[in-house]
N, C-alpha and C. Protein backbone atom coordinates (compact mmCIF):
# COMPACT_ATOMS: atom_id res chain seq x y z
N MET A 1 -17.18 -0.60 10.14
CA MET A 1 -18.17 -1.44 9.46
C MET A 1 -18.28 -1.01 8.05
N ALA A 2 -18.52 -1.89 7.12
CA ALA A 2 -18.57 -1.63 5.70
C ALA A 2 -19.85 -0.69 5.59
N ASP A 3 -19.81 0.12 4.42
CA ASP A 3 -20.91 1.04 4.12
C ASP A 3 -22.00 0.27 3.59
N PRO A 4 -23.10 0.17 4.22
CA PRO A 4 -24.33 -0.64 3.69
C PRO A 4 -24.98 0.07 2.51
N GLY A 5 -24.61 1.31 2.19
CA GLY A 5 -25.19 2.07 1.07
C GLY A 5 -24.52 1.87 -0.22
N LYS A 6 -23.35 1.18 -0.09
CA LYS A 6 -22.61 0.95 -1.28
C LYS A 6 -23.08 -0.28 -2.08
N ALA A 7 -23.06 -0.20 -3.44
CA ALA A 7 -23.53 -1.29 -4.14
C ALA A 7 -22.65 -2.52 -4.01
N GLU A 8 -21.31 -2.34 -3.83
CA GLU A 8 -20.39 -3.44 -3.65
C GLU A 8 -19.58 -3.13 -2.34
N PRO A 9 -19.29 -4.27 -1.67
CA PRO A 9 -18.54 -4.09 -0.34
C PRO A 9 -17.11 -3.46 -0.62
N GLU A 10 -16.64 -2.79 0.24
CA GLU A 10 -15.29 -2.38 0.22
C GLU A 10 -14.37 -3.51 0.34
N VAL A 11 -13.24 -3.41 -0.38
CA VAL A 11 -12.19 -4.55 -0.46
C VAL A 11 -11.00 -4.23 0.32
N ILE A 12 -10.60 -5.15 1.11
CA ILE A 12 -9.39 -5.00 2.02
C ILE A 12 -8.46 -6.14 1.70
N LEU A 13 -7.21 -5.73 1.42
CA LEU A 13 -6.16 -6.74 1.18
C LEU A 13 -5.38 -6.96 2.59
N VAL A 14 -5.26 -8.18 2.91
CA VAL A 14 -4.59 -8.67 4.17
C VAL A 14 -3.33 -9.45 3.73
N ALA A 15 -2.14 -8.87 4.06
CA ALA A 15 -0.93 -9.54 3.70
C ALA A 15 -0.13 -10.00 4.90
N ASP A 16 0.00 -11.25 5.11
CA ASP A 16 0.81 -11.70 6.27
C ASP A 16 1.22 -13.15 6.03
N ASP A 17 2.49 -13.53 6.48
CA ASP A 17 2.84 -14.84 6.22
C ASP A 17 2.47 -15.77 7.38
N ILE A 18 1.81 -15.23 8.37
CA ILE A 18 1.41 -16.12 9.50
C ILE A 18 -0.05 -16.44 9.30
N PRO A 19 -0.48 -17.66 9.08
CA PRO A 19 -1.91 -18.02 8.86
C PRO A 19 -2.80 -17.60 10.03
N ALA A 20 -2.43 -17.65 11.23
CA ALA A 20 -3.28 -17.40 12.42
C ALA A 20 -3.59 -15.87 12.31
N ASN A 21 -2.68 -15.01 11.92
CA ASN A 21 -2.87 -13.52 11.78
C ASN A 21 -3.92 -13.27 10.75
N VAL A 22 -3.80 -13.98 9.63
CA VAL A 22 -4.69 -13.76 8.43
C VAL A 22 -6.04 -14.20 8.84
N GLU A 23 -6.15 -15.41 9.44
CA GLU A 23 -7.48 -16.01 9.84
C GLU A 23 -8.18 -14.96 10.81
N LEU A 24 -7.49 -14.39 11.80
CA LEU A 24 -8.03 -13.48 12.79
C LEU A 24 -8.58 -12.35 12.13
N LEU A 25 -7.79 -11.68 11.17
CA LEU A 25 -8.24 -10.58 10.48
C LEU A 25 -9.40 -10.78 9.56
N LEU A 26 -9.31 -11.98 8.81
CA LEU A 26 -10.41 -12.39 7.87
C LEU A 26 -11.77 -12.57 8.60
N ASP A 27 -11.72 -13.22 9.81
CA ASP A 27 -12.91 -13.43 10.50
C ASP A 27 -13.57 -12.13 11.00
N GLN A 28 -12.71 -11.11 11.44
CA GLN A 28 -13.31 -9.88 11.92
C GLN A 28 -13.75 -9.11 10.75
N LEU A 29 -12.94 -8.92 9.64
CA LEU A 29 -13.31 -8.09 8.59
C LEU A 29 -14.59 -8.68 7.76
N ASN A 30 -14.54 -9.96 7.54
CA ASN A 30 -15.73 -10.57 6.85
C ASN A 30 -17.04 -10.45 7.68
N SER A 31 -16.96 -10.54 9.03
CA SER A 31 -18.15 -10.44 9.88
C SER A 31 -18.70 -9.00 9.75
N LEU A 32 -17.84 -7.99 9.45
CA LEU A 32 -18.24 -6.61 9.38
C LEU A 32 -18.65 -6.27 7.91
N GLY A 33 -18.67 -7.18 7.09
CA GLY A 33 -19.20 -6.97 5.77
C GLY A 33 -18.21 -6.59 4.68
N TYR A 34 -16.99 -6.66 4.99
CA TYR A 34 -15.90 -6.32 3.96
C TYR A 34 -15.57 -7.55 3.13
N GLU A 35 -15.26 -7.30 1.87
CA GLU A 35 -14.76 -8.29 1.05
C GLU A 35 -13.19 -8.33 1.31
N THR A 36 -12.59 -9.45 1.37
CA THR A 36 -11.21 -9.54 1.65
C THR A 36 -10.44 -10.38 0.62
N ILE A 37 -9.15 -9.98 0.39
CA ILE A 37 -8.23 -10.76 -0.44
C ILE A 37 -6.92 -10.98 0.38
N THR A 38 -6.15 -12.02 0.10
CA THR A 38 -5.03 -12.26 0.96
C THR A 38 -3.76 -12.40 0.11
N ALA A 39 -2.58 -12.22 0.77
CA ALA A 39 -1.30 -12.38 0.18
C ALA A 39 -0.40 -12.92 1.20
N VAL A 40 0.67 -13.71 0.85
CA VAL A 40 1.49 -14.39 1.85
C VAL A 40 2.95 -13.78 1.86
N ASP A 41 3.24 -12.85 0.98
CA ASP A 41 4.60 -12.26 0.93
C ASP A 41 4.33 -10.89 0.20
N GLY A 42 5.49 -10.14 0.14
CA GLY A 42 5.51 -8.80 -0.45
C GLY A 42 5.19 -8.84 -1.86
N PRO A 43 5.82 -9.64 -2.69
CA PRO A 43 5.47 -9.69 -4.12
C PRO A 43 4.01 -9.96 -4.40
N SER A 44 3.48 -11.02 -3.78
CA SER A 44 2.08 -11.27 -3.97
C SER A 44 1.16 -10.29 -3.46
N ALA A 45 1.51 -9.56 -2.43
CA ALA A 45 0.78 -8.37 -2.01
C ALA A 45 0.68 -7.29 -3.02
N VAL A 46 1.87 -6.97 -3.57
CA VAL A 46 2.00 -6.02 -4.56
C VAL A 46 1.12 -6.34 -5.86
N ALA A 47 1.26 -7.54 -6.30
CA ALA A 47 0.44 -8.16 -7.38
C ALA A 47 -1.06 -8.05 -7.09
N ALA A 48 -1.45 -8.39 -5.85
CA ALA A 48 -2.87 -8.41 -5.55
C ALA A 48 -3.37 -6.92 -5.45
N ALA A 49 -2.53 -6.02 -5.03
CA ALA A 49 -3.01 -4.63 -4.94
C ALA A 49 -3.21 -4.08 -6.35
N PHE A 50 -2.36 -4.44 -7.27
CA PHE A 50 -2.56 -3.92 -8.69
C PHE A 50 -3.78 -4.59 -9.33
N GLU A 51 -3.94 -5.90 -9.02
CA GLU A 51 -5.01 -6.64 -9.70
C GLU A 51 -6.40 -6.17 -9.09
N HIS A 52 -6.54 -6.12 -7.79
CA HIS A 52 -7.84 -5.94 -7.10
C HIS A 52 -8.15 -4.51 -6.77
N GLN A 53 -7.12 -3.69 -6.71
CA GLN A 53 -7.32 -2.27 -6.35
C GLN A 53 -8.06 -2.17 -4.97
N PRO A 54 -7.56 -2.64 -3.94
CA PRO A 54 -8.38 -2.61 -2.71
C PRO A 54 -8.46 -1.28 -2.11
N ASP A 55 -9.53 -1.15 -1.27
CA ASP A 55 -9.77 0.18 -0.59
C ASP A 55 -8.89 0.35 0.49
N LEU A 56 -8.28 -0.69 1.06
CA LEU A 56 -7.42 -0.67 2.22
C LEU A 56 -6.48 -1.84 2.15
N CYS A 57 -5.26 -1.69 2.56
CA CYS A 57 -4.17 -2.72 2.57
C CYS A 57 -3.68 -2.85 4.03
N ILE A 58 -3.83 -4.00 4.61
CA ILE A 58 -3.24 -4.27 5.95
C ILE A 58 -2.11 -5.17 5.68
N LEU A 59 -0.85 -4.60 5.97
CA LEU A 59 0.40 -5.30 5.55
C LEU A 59 1.31 -5.55 6.71
N ASP A 60 1.87 -6.82 6.77
CA ASP A 60 2.89 -7.13 7.84
C ASP A 60 4.18 -6.79 7.03
N VAL A 61 4.94 -5.83 7.57
CA VAL A 61 6.12 -5.38 6.97
C VAL A 61 7.38 -6.29 7.22
N SER A 62 7.20 -7.22 8.11
CA SER A 62 8.29 -8.09 8.42
C SER A 62 8.26 -9.47 7.85
N MET A 63 7.37 -9.66 7.01
CA MET A 63 7.31 -11.13 6.42
C MET A 63 8.35 -11.35 5.45
N PRO A 64 8.72 -12.56 5.26
CA PRO A 64 9.74 -13.03 4.27
C PRO A 64 9.34 -12.56 2.86
N ALA A 65 10.33 -12.28 2.05
CA ALA A 65 10.03 -11.75 0.66
C ALA A 65 9.08 -10.49 0.81
N GLY A 66 9.49 -9.69 1.79
CA GLY A 66 8.64 -8.52 2.18
C GLY A 66 8.82 -7.32 1.45
N ASP A 67 9.44 -7.29 0.34
CA ASP A 67 9.58 -6.03 -0.45
C ASP A 67 8.21 -5.38 -0.89
N LEU A 68 7.74 -4.39 -0.26
CA LEU A 68 6.53 -3.85 -0.58
C LEU A 68 6.67 -2.50 -1.40
N GLY A 69 7.91 -2.35 -1.90
CA GLY A 69 8.21 -1.12 -2.56
C GLY A 69 7.34 -0.92 -3.87
N GLY A 70 6.90 -1.97 -4.48
CA GLY A 70 6.05 -1.96 -5.59
C GLY A 70 4.76 -1.13 -5.34
N LEU A 71 4.30 -1.19 -4.10
CA LEU A 71 3.04 -0.40 -3.70
C LEU A 71 3.21 1.09 -4.01
N ARG A 72 4.44 1.56 -3.84
CA ARG A 72 4.67 3.02 -4.15
C ARG A 72 4.29 3.39 -5.58
N SER A 73 4.28 2.45 -6.53
CA SER A 73 4.16 2.73 -7.88
C SER A 73 2.68 2.61 -8.28
N LEU A 74 1.82 2.31 -7.37
CA LEU A 74 0.32 2.28 -7.64
C LEU A 74 -0.07 3.70 -7.97
N PRO A 75 -0.91 3.92 -8.98
CA PRO A 75 -1.41 5.26 -9.17
C PRO A 75 -2.16 5.83 -8.02
N GLU A 76 -2.04 7.11 -7.79
CA GLU A 76 -2.59 7.66 -6.60
C GLU A 76 -4.08 7.37 -6.29
N ASP A 77 -4.84 7.32 -7.36
CA ASP A 77 -6.18 7.17 -7.19
C ASP A 77 -6.43 5.60 -6.80
N GLN A 78 -5.52 4.75 -7.01
CA GLN A 78 -5.73 3.30 -6.60
C GLN A 78 -5.12 3.13 -5.27
N ALA A 79 -4.27 3.90 -4.73
CA ALA A 79 -3.69 3.64 -3.41
C ALA A 79 -4.45 4.52 -2.48
N ARG A 80 -5.54 4.07 -2.02
CA ARG A 80 -6.46 4.68 -1.16
C ARG A 80 -5.83 4.75 0.34
N SER A 81 -5.46 3.65 0.93
CA SER A 81 -4.99 3.62 2.28
C SER A 81 -4.25 2.31 2.53
N ALA A 82 -3.23 2.46 3.34
CA ALA A 82 -2.48 1.27 3.74
C ALA A 82 -2.15 1.35 5.18
N HIS A 83 -2.24 0.23 5.91
CA HIS A 83 -1.83 0.13 7.30
C HIS A 83 -0.67 -0.82 7.43
N PHE A 84 0.43 -0.39 7.97
CA PHE A 84 1.54 -1.24 8.05
C PHE A 84 1.64 -1.79 9.43
N SER A 85 1.85 -3.03 9.67
CA SER A 85 2.06 -3.56 11.03
C SER A 85 3.11 -4.65 10.95
N ASN A 86 3.53 -5.22 12.15
CA ASN A 86 4.35 -6.46 12.07
C ASN A 86 3.49 -7.49 12.85
N SER A 87 3.84 -8.69 12.64
CA SER A 87 3.06 -9.79 13.18
C SER A 87 3.22 -9.78 14.68
N SER A 88 4.28 -9.44 15.28
CA SER A 88 4.44 -9.47 16.62
C SER A 88 3.44 -8.45 17.38
N ASP A 89 3.21 -7.36 16.77
CA ASP A 89 2.16 -6.41 17.24
C ASP A 89 0.72 -7.15 17.36
N LEU A 90 0.38 -7.86 16.29
CA LEU A 90 -0.87 -8.53 16.26
C LEU A 90 -0.88 -9.74 17.36
N ARG A 91 0.18 -10.49 17.45
CA ARG A 91 0.25 -11.50 18.39
C ARG A 91 0.11 -10.94 19.77
N ASP A 92 0.85 -9.78 20.16
CA ASP A 92 0.70 -9.15 21.40
C ASP A 92 -0.76 -8.70 21.67
N ARG A 93 -1.40 -8.12 20.68
CA ARG A 93 -2.75 -7.70 21.00
C ARG A 93 -3.70 -8.77 21.18
N THR A 94 -3.47 -9.96 20.42
CA THR A 94 -4.37 -11.04 20.51
C THR A 94 -4.22 -11.69 21.90
N GLN A 95 -2.92 -11.78 22.38
CA GLN A 95 -2.71 -12.33 23.64
C GLN A 95 -3.35 -11.58 24.80
N ARG A 96 -3.43 -10.26 24.73
CA ARG A 96 -4.06 -9.35 25.63
C ARG A 96 -5.56 -9.54 25.78
N HIS A 97 -6.17 -10.04 24.66
CA HIS A 97 -7.60 -10.20 24.64
C HIS A 97 -8.16 -11.61 24.89
N LYS A 98 -7.27 -12.48 25.29
CA LYS A 98 -7.58 -13.94 25.59
C LYS A 98 -8.04 -13.96 27.09
């Protein structure tokens, strides 16, 4: 859950090319009080990370145009945390909870 003591909500970047995955994550994260930004491929994820400096990046590593190498060039104080997943993992977890 987002830290209620912070003046501004923590920002999470969600990058996935499957709209259902993005929608699922946004619903959960927004309901917990996080601010979210999205990207649909690797280059736009890298651009969003540089522009918005998110507190956390949730990235689908198997999306088309998925080169996320640019994230390695983020300054260390901007690269707080990243979680890499693939969309099949998310689909499998979603199916188990239906």
